[in-house]
Amino acid sequence: MNSKQRIAAAMDHKKPDRVPVMCQLALGHYFLNCDYSPSEIWFDTETFAKALVELQQRYEFDGILVNIPGRPPDWKSRLESYKKIGNTEHLYWKSGLETIFPPDDNPQTHRPGQMPLERANYSSVDINNPATYRLPGYVWNTWHAPERWDIDPQAALSDPAAYPAWFTRALEKVQQLAPDVSVHAEVFSPFTHLMELFGYEQALLALIDEPGKCHEVLAAFTRKVLAQLKLYSRCSPDAILVSSAFAGAGFISRQMYSQFVVPYEDQVFRAIHEHGSKSYVHTCGAIGDRLDLMSETSVNGIDTLDPPPLGTVDLAEAKSKYGRRFFFKGNLDSVNEMLNADDQRFEQAVKDRIRIGKPDSGYILSSACSVSPHVKPDRLKRLTELARELGKYC
């Protein structure tokens, strides 16, 4: 059974040959453990795809998450200058913005003078007027970019035709390089787009002060996410992850989750199924109080499942209640069991997850959230070794 088949079986609650392994790696982990510069990994589609596949092969993971879209092939022509100060890269764009790359963390794009990028104002934003929210430094209001790339500022992003051909190029390249591996695409939840649009503090205030406007914005972003799904679906990914990192109890209540997250994400999950892919959702932190609300949507699987103290999910309890409803991916504490633990504690944590997650299939061994940049590579190799030793179904 190859990796693609192994994860497909687990997602379908069919017994594979063993428990599959698939971790999402923080971008900083790629920066530290690949022989490419951070800026090349982040901005060069071909390099990003090679980095994803190289570490998947090194750790023998069964799946790869392509978690950022492609980039324009001529991105370097848009640079004004470049310099490296110590081990930090500084990219200066003709647009006047600057992108700074630490050696072990996501880049940050700033306005001149390293001023923060502008966010939309929830009291004045007009979702029908792109000028009020299409701001320099953001593309699709989610990931930092030095300019609008090839996107018409007035384009209707709910139309798949508005997106450049390179949007899906990273996914396509990874599929070419790793044909026997389960390759997953990622889109952002409409709620994540809302948080990025206004900034996190202001977005939370907007939910209270302007709930009607928030619903209007969420509906608009849902249409844009559906357009991106159409583009990805043409590539036939093995699954699509909906990144909804900020919808846990640390940010919003159950009531707000029901009101502002569930109806919009469910439209996305249903569209993923219509396009023939499995869906799963990534929500960080405390989600134990809303697994029942997630079960009311059409999502197939749940990612992260942070255990205490980072979150509130006990894997045995979740399997008991929802093990036939969802496939689960994660539950290894990224900080206390993977980064900071000694070898004995780490291995015991992995053995426990395999023991709990393995019965009746439906489990993918993984870190709860992204693997920290400084987790030792040998520790990640050990995940697959233990899955081979202890995760066999026959």
Foldseek 3Di string as FASTA:
>chain_A
DFLLVCVLCLLVLHADQFFAADAFAALLLLLVPDPDHSVCLVAPLLNVLVSQVVLCVLLVHQETEPEAFFHDNPQVVQFPDWDQDPSKIWTAGPLQKIWIGDSRHDIAIAHPVRHHFDAAQLVDDDPQDLVRFVGAQDELLAHGDRGNHPADSNDQLLALVRDDPRRHVNQLSNCVVCVRGQYEYEDEQLLNSLCSRHPPVNSLVCCVVPVVSLVVSSVSSLSNRLSVLVVVLVSPHQAYEYEPAQLAPVRDDLVCCLVRGLVSVLVVQVSRVVSPHAYEYAYWAECPVCPVVVLVGQHAAYAQQAPPPRYPHDLLVCCVVCVVSHQYEAHAALPDQFPPDDPVSVVVSLLVCLVRRQPSRSYHYYHSHHRRSPGDSVSSSVSVVVRVVRTGPD
